[in-house]
Amino acid sequence: MENKKGLSPVLIIVAIILGVTLYKQFDFQQLRFEKPALAVVYMIVFVSCIFLLVKRLKRK
């Protein structure tokens, strides 16, 4: 039998929260983040969550 795992709701929630946070921290007039160091950490975790979600989707 195959293991049929769907998308992880935890990863989806984390990705949504981080995406919204990155959007709110970005200043569109100056094209900069308010806190660049923290934005880098958020971006790394956001990209890794998206990567894991896509990886699970392709495996399915």
PDB file of N, CA and C in Angstrom:
ATOM      1  N   MET A   1       0.828  -1.182   0.000  1.00  0.00           N
ATOM      2  CA  MET A   1       0.000   0.000   0.000  1.00  0.00           C
ATOM      3  C   MET A   1       0.873   1.246   0.000  1.00  0.00           C
ATOM      4  N   GLU A   2       0.376   2.260  -0.606  1.00  0.00           N
ATOM      5  CA  GLU A   2       1.101   3.522  -0.652  1.00  0.00           C
ATOM      6  C   GLU A   2       0.769   4.360   0.575  1.00  0.00           C
ATOM      7  N   ASN A   3       1.759   5.125   0.980  1.00  0.00           N
ATOM      8  CA  ASN A   3       1.498   6.114   2.015  1.00  0.00           C
ATOM      9  C   ASN A   3       0.966   7.361   1.341  1.00  0.00           C
ATOM     10  N   LYS A   4      -0.264   7.677   1.582  1.00  0.00           N
ATOM     11  CA  LYS A   4      -0.852   8.871   0.987  1.00  0.00           C
ATOM     12  C   LYS A   4      -0.889   9.966   2.036  1.00  0.00           C
ATOM     13  N   LYS A   5       0.091  10.829   1.956  1.00  0.00           N
ATOM     14  CA  LYS A   5       0.142  11.954   2.876  1.00  0.00           C
ATOM     15  C   LYS A   5      -0.232  13.212   2.117  1.00  0.00           C
ATOM     16  N   GLY A   6      -1.120  13.975   2.681  1.00  0.00           N
ATOM     17  CA  GLY A   6      -1.508  15.232   2.066  1.00  0.00           C
ATOM     18  C   GLY A   6      -0.539  16.331   2.470  1.00  0.00           C
ATOM     19  N   LEU A   7      -0.905  17.522   2.122  1.00  0.00           N
ATOM     20  CA  LEU A   7      -0.100  18.664   2.509  1.00  0.00           C
ATOM     21  C   LEU A   7      -0.189  18.859   4.017  1.00  0.00           C
ATOM     22  N   SER A   8       0.910  19.239   4.602  1.00  0.00           N
ATOM     23  CA  SER A   8       0.956  19.433   6.040  1.00  0.00           C
ATOM     24  C   SER A   8       0.289  20.763   6.407  1.00  0.00           C
ATOM     25  N   PRO A   9      -0.755  20.717   7.212  1.00  0.00           N
ATOM     26  CA  PRO A   9      -1.414  21.968   7.593  1.00  0.00           C
ATOM     27  C   PRO A   9      -0.495  22.880   8.406  1.00  0.00           C
ATOM     28  N   VAL A  10       0.426  22.304   9.153  1.00  0.00           N
ATOM     29  CA  VAL A  10       1.355  23.119   9.943  1.00  0.00           C
ATOM     30  C   VAL A  10       2.267  23.921   9.016  1.00  0.00           C
ATOM     31  N   LEU A  11       2.796  23.280   7.983  1.00  0.00           N
ATOM     32  CA  LEU A  11       3.676  23.983   7.038  1.00  0.00           C
ATOM     33  C   LEU A  11       2.914  25.061   6.277  1.00  0.00           C
ATOM     34  N   ILE A  12       1.667  24.782   5.941  1.00  0.00           N
ATOM     35  CA  ILE A  12       0.863  25.781   5.236  1.00  0.00           C
ATOM     36  C   ILE A  12       0.634  27.002   6.118  1.00  0.00           C
ATOM     37  N   ILE A  13       0.314  26.781   7.389  1.00  0.00           N
ATOM     38  CA  ILE A  13       0.068  27.898   8.314  1.00  0.00           C
ATOM     39  C   ILE A  13       1.347  28.703   8.531  1.00  0.00           C
ATOM     40  N   VAL A  14       2.478  28.013   8.705  1.00  0.00           N
ATOM     41  CA  VAL A  14       3.758  28.705   8.901  1.00  0.00           C
ATOM     42  C   VAL A  14       4.106  29.529   7.667  1.00  0.00           C
ATOM     43  N   ALA A  15       3.897  28.968   6.473  1.00  0.00           N
ATOM     44  CA  ALA A  15       4.209  29.690   5.238  1.00  0.00           C
ATOM     45  C   ALA A  15       3.320  30.923   5.087  1.00  0.00           C
ATOM     46  N   ILE A  16       2.053  30.806   5.422  1.00  0.00           N
ATOM     47  CA  ILE A  16       1.146  31.957   5.319  1.00  0.00           C
ATOM     48  C   ILE A  16       1.553  33.051   6.300  1.00  0.00           C
ATOM     49  N   ILE A  17       1.843  32.669   7.527  1.00  0.00           N
ATOM     50  CA  ILE A  17       2.223  33.659   8.538  1.00  0.00           C
ATOM     51  C   ILE A  17       3.522  34.366   8.139  1.00  0.00           C
ATOM     52  N   LEU A  18       4.501  33.607   7.680  1.00  0.00           N
ATOM     53  CA  LEU A  18       5.768  34.220   7.290  1.00  0.00           C
ATOM     54  C   LEU A  18       5.614  35.090   6.057  1.00  0.00           C
ATOM     55  N   GLY A  19       4.797  34.666   5.110  1.00  0.00           N
ATOM     56  CA  GLY A  19       4.558  35.483   3.918  1.00  0.00           C
ATOM     57  C   GLY A  19       3.912  36.813   4.253  1.00  0.00           C
ATOM     58  N   VAL A  20       2.927  36.780   5.135  1.00  0.00           N
ATOM     59  CA  VAL A  20       2.256  38.014   5.552  1.00  0.00           C
ATOM     60  C   VAL A  20       3.221  38.906   6.324  1.00  0.00           C
ATOM     61  N   THR A  21       4.036  38.306   7.168  1.00  0.00           N
ATOM     62  CA  THR A  21       5.003  39.088   7.951  1.00  0.00           C
ATOM     63  C   THR A  21       6.032  39.753   7.044  1.00  0.00           C
ATOM     64  N   LEU A  22       6.531  39.019   6.065  1.00  0.00           N
ATOM     65  CA  LEU A  22       7.481  39.613   5.119  1.00  0.00           C
ATOM     66  C   LEU A  22       6.835  40.743   4.330  1.00  0.00           C
ATOM     67  N   TYR A  23       5.595  40.556   3.936  1.00  0.00           N
ATOM     68  CA  TYR A  23       4.886  41.596   3.187  1.00  0.00           C
ATOM     69  C   TYR A  23       4.699  42.860   4.025  1.00  0.00           C
ATOM     70  N   LYS A  24       4.365  42.678   5.307  1.00  0.00           N
ATOM     71  CA  LYS A  24       4.150  43.829   6.182  1.00  0.00           C
ATOM     72  C   LYS A  24       5.448  44.569   6.499  1.00  0.00           C
ATOM     73  N   GLN A  25       6.558  43.835   6.582  1.00  0.00           N
ATOM     74  CA  GLN A  25       7.832  44.473   6.923  1.00  0.00           C
ATOM     75  C   GLN A  25       8.471  45.191   5.741  1.00  0.00           C
ATOM     76  N   PHE A  26       8.030  44.899   4.527  1.00  0.00           N
ATOM     77  CA  PHE A  26       8.656  45.502   3.350  1.00  0.00           C
ATOM     78  C   PHE A  26       8.111  46.900   3.125  1.00  0.00           C
ATOM     79  N   ASP A  27       9.019  47.860   2.945  1.00  0.00           N
ATOM     80  CA  ASP A  27       8.650  49.243   2.670  1.00  0.00           C
ATOM     81  C   ASP A  27       8.707  49.444   1.153  1.00  0.00           C
ATOM     82  N   PHE A  28       7.557  49.603   0.517  1.00  0.00           N
ATOM     83  CA  PHE A  28       7.498  49.670  -0.936  1.00  0.00           C
ATOM     84  C   PHE A  28       7.976  51.006  -1.489  1.00  0.00           C
ATOM     85  N   GLN A  29       7.989  52.040  -0.685  1.00  0.00           N
ATOM     86  CA  GLN A  29       8.466  53.337  -1.161  1.00  0.00           C
ATOM     87  C   GLN A  29       9.988  53.357  -1.271  1.00  0.00           C
ATOM     88  N   GLN A  30      10.654  52.773  -0.286  1.00  0.00           N
ATOM     89  CA  GLN A  30      12.114  52.756  -0.297  1.00  0.00           C
ATOM     90  C   GLN A  30      12.668  51.427  -0.790  1.00  0.00           C
ATOM     91  N   LEU A  31      11.800  50.446  -1.026  1.00  0.00           N
ATOM     92  CA  LEU A  31      12.179  49.104  -1.476  1.00  0.00           C
ATOM     93  C   LEU A  31      13.196  48.458  -0.543  1.00  0.00           C
ATOM     94  N   ARG A  32      12.892  48.514   0.747  1.00  0.00           N
ATOM     95  CA  ARG A  32      13.757  47.927   1.774  1.00  0.00           C
ATOM     96  C   ARG A  32      12.907  47.302   2.858  1.00  0.00           C
ATOM     97  N   PHE A  33      13.527  46.411   3.620  1.00  0.00           N
ATOM     98  CA  PHE A  33      12.876  45.830   4.787  1.00  0.00           C
ATOM     99  C   PHE A  33      13.189  46.696   5.999  1.00  0.00           C
ATOM    100  N   GLU A  34      12.249  46.749   6.940  1.00  0.00           N
ATOM    101  CA  GLU A  34      12.457  47.524   8.163  1.00  0.00           C
ATOM    102  C   GLU A  34      13.589  46.918   8.995  1.00  0.00           C
ATOM    103  N   LYS A  35      13.591  45.595   9.121  1.00  0.00           N
ATOM    104  CA  LYS A  35      14.624  44.869   9.868  1.00  0.00           C
ATOM    105  C   LYS A  35      15.234  43.828   8.925  1.00  0.00           C
ATOM    106  N   PRO A  36      16.314  44.188   8.237  1.00  0.00           N
ATOM    107  CA  PRO A  36      16.864  43.299   7.209  1.00  0.00           C
ATOM    108  C   PRO A  36      17.365  41.954   7.737  1.00  0.00           C
ATOM    109  N   ALA A  37      17.971  41.936   8.916  1.00  0.00           N
ATOM    110  CA  ALA A  37      18.497  40.680   9.447  1.00  0.00           C
ATOM    111  C   ALA A  37      17.363  39.705   9.769  1.00  0.00           C
ATOM    112  N   LEU A  38      16.307  40.215  10.352  1.00  0.00           N
ATOM    113  CA  LEU A  38      15.167  39.380  10.676  1.00  0.00           C
ATOM    114  C   LEU A  38      14.436  38.937   9.408  1.00  0.00           C
ATOM    115  N   ALA A  39      14.419  39.792   8.408  1.00  0.00           N
ATOM    116  CA  ALA A  39      13.783  39.446   7.141  1.00  0.00           C
ATOM    117  C   ALA A  39      14.517  38.302   6.454  1.00  0.00           C
ATOM    118  N   VAL A  40      15.835  38.242   6.596  1.00  0.00           N
ATOM    119  CA  VAL A  40      16.606  37.142   6.012  1.00  0.00           C
ATOM    120  C   VAL A  40      16.221  35.814   6.677  1.00  0.00           C
ATOM    121  N   VAL A  41      16.086  35.829   7.978  1.00  0.00           N
ATOM    122  CA  VAL A  41      15.686  34.616   8.702  1.00  0.00           C
ATOM    123  C   VAL A  41      14.278  34.194   8.276  1.00  0.00           C
ATOM    124  N   TYR A  42      13.356  35.150   8.203  1.00  0.00           N
ATOM    125  CA  TYR A  42      12.003  34.844   7.769  1.00  0.00           C
ATOM    126  C   TYR A  42      12.002  34.272   6.346  1.00  0.00           C
ATOM    127  N   MET A  43      12.811  34.854   5.476  1.00  0.00           N
ATOM    128  CA  MET A  43      12.851  34.416   4.084  1.00  0.00           C
ATOM    129  C   MET A  43      13.395  32.992   3.968  1.00  0.00           C
ATOM    130  N   ILE A  44      14.413  32.660   4.741  1.00  0.00           N
ATOM    131  CA  ILE A  44      14.981  31.309   4.704  1.00  0.00           C
ATOM    132  C   ILE A  44      13.941  30.281   5.143  1.00  0.00           C
ATOM    133  N   VAL A  45      13.244  30.573   6.230  1.00  0.00           N
ATOM    134  CA  VAL A  45      12.233  29.640   6.726  1.00  0.00           C
ATOM    135  C   VAL A  45      11.047  29.567   5.761  1.00  0.00           C
ATOM    136  N   PHE A  46      10.651  30.692   5.188  1.00  0.00           N
ATOM    137  CA  PHE A  46       9.549  30.725   4.231  1.00  0.00           C
ATOM    138  C   PHE A  46       9.865  29.889   2.991  1.00  0.00           C
ATOM    139  N   VAL A  47      11.050  30.065   2.442  1.00  0.00           N
ATOM    140  CA  VAL A  47      11.445  29.313   1.251  1.00  0.00           C
ATOM    141  C   VAL A  47      11.560  27.824   1.562  1.00  0.00           C
ATOM    142  N   SER A  48      12.073  27.486   2.735  1.00  0.00           N
ATOM    143  CA  SER A  48      12.175  26.068   3.086  1.00  0.00           C
ATOM    144  C   SER A  48      10.789  25.444   3.273  1.00  0.00           C
ATOM    145  N   CYS A  49       9.850  26.169   3.840  1.00  0.00           N
ATOM    146  CA  CYS A  49       8.476  25.656   3.976  1.00  0.00           C
ATOM    147  C   CYS A  49       7.844  25.432   2.604  1.00  0.00           C
ATOM    148  N   ILE A  50       8.009  26.384   1.712  1.00  0.00           N
ATOM    149  CA  ILE A  50       7.463  26.237   0.365  1.00  0.00           C
ATOM    150  C   ILE A  50       8.119  25.060  -0.341  1.00  0.00           C
ATOM    151  N   PHE A  51       9.445  24.910  -0.182  1.00  0.00           N
ATOM    152  CA  PHE A  51      10.165  23.795  -0.795  1.00  0.00           C
ATOM    153  C   PHE A  51       9.623  22.456  -0.287  1.00  0.00           C
ATOM    154  N   LEU A  52       9.416  22.333   1.021  1.00  0.00           N
ATOM    155  CA  LEU A  52       8.899  21.089   1.579  1.00  0.00           C
ATOM    156  C   LEU A  52       7.473  20.806   1.119  1.00  0.00           C
ATOM    157  N   LEU A  53       6.667  21.842   1.005  1.00  0.00           N
ATOM    158  CA  LEU A  53       5.299  21.649   0.517  1.00  0.00           C
ATOM    159  C   LEU A  53       5.292  21.170  -0.926  1.00  0.00           C
ATOM    160  N   VAL A  54       6.122  21.768  -1.761  1.00  0.00           N
ATOM    161  CA  VAL A  54       6.188  21.366  -3.173  1.00  0.00           C
ATOM    162  C   VAL A  54       6.758  19.967  -3.294  1.00  0.00           C
ATOM    163  N   LYS A  55       7.747  19.649  -2.478  1.00  0.00           N
ATOM    164  CA  LYS A  55       8.354  18.312  -2.500  1.00  0.00           C
ATOM    165  C   LYS A  55       7.321  17.250  -2.143  1.00  0.00           C
ATOM    166  N   ARG A  56       6.511  17.504  -1.132  1.00  0.00           N
ATOM    167  CA  ARG A  56       5.477  16.554  -0.746  1.00  0.00           C
ATOM    168  C   ARG A  56       4.398  16.439  -1.811  1.00  0.00           C
ATOM    169  N   LEU A  57       4.089  17.555  -2.475  1.00  0.00           N
ATOM    170  CA  LEU A  57       3.072  17.549  -3.511  1.00  0.00           C
ATOM    171  C   LEU A  57       3.539  16.731  -4.712  1.00  0.00           C
ATOM    172  N   LYS A  58       4.814  16.878  -5.089  1.00  0.00           N
ATOM    173  CA  LYS A  58       5.348  16.138  -6.225  1.00  0.00           C
ATOM    174  C   LYS A  58       5.465  14.652  -5.917  1.00  0.00           C
ATOM    175  N   ARG A  59       5.797  14.309  -4.689  1.00  0.00           N
ATOM    176  CA  ARG A  59       5.933  12.919  -4.296  1.00  0.00           C
ATOM    177  C   ARG A  59       4.585  12.213  -4.345  1.00  0.00           C
ATOM    178  N   LYS A  60       3.540  12.935  -4.099  1.00  0.00           N
ATOM    179  CA  LYS A  60       2.185  12.383  -4.093  1.00  0.00           C
ATOM    180  C   LYS A  60       1.796  12.048  -5.493  1.00  0.00           C
TER     181      LYS A  60
END
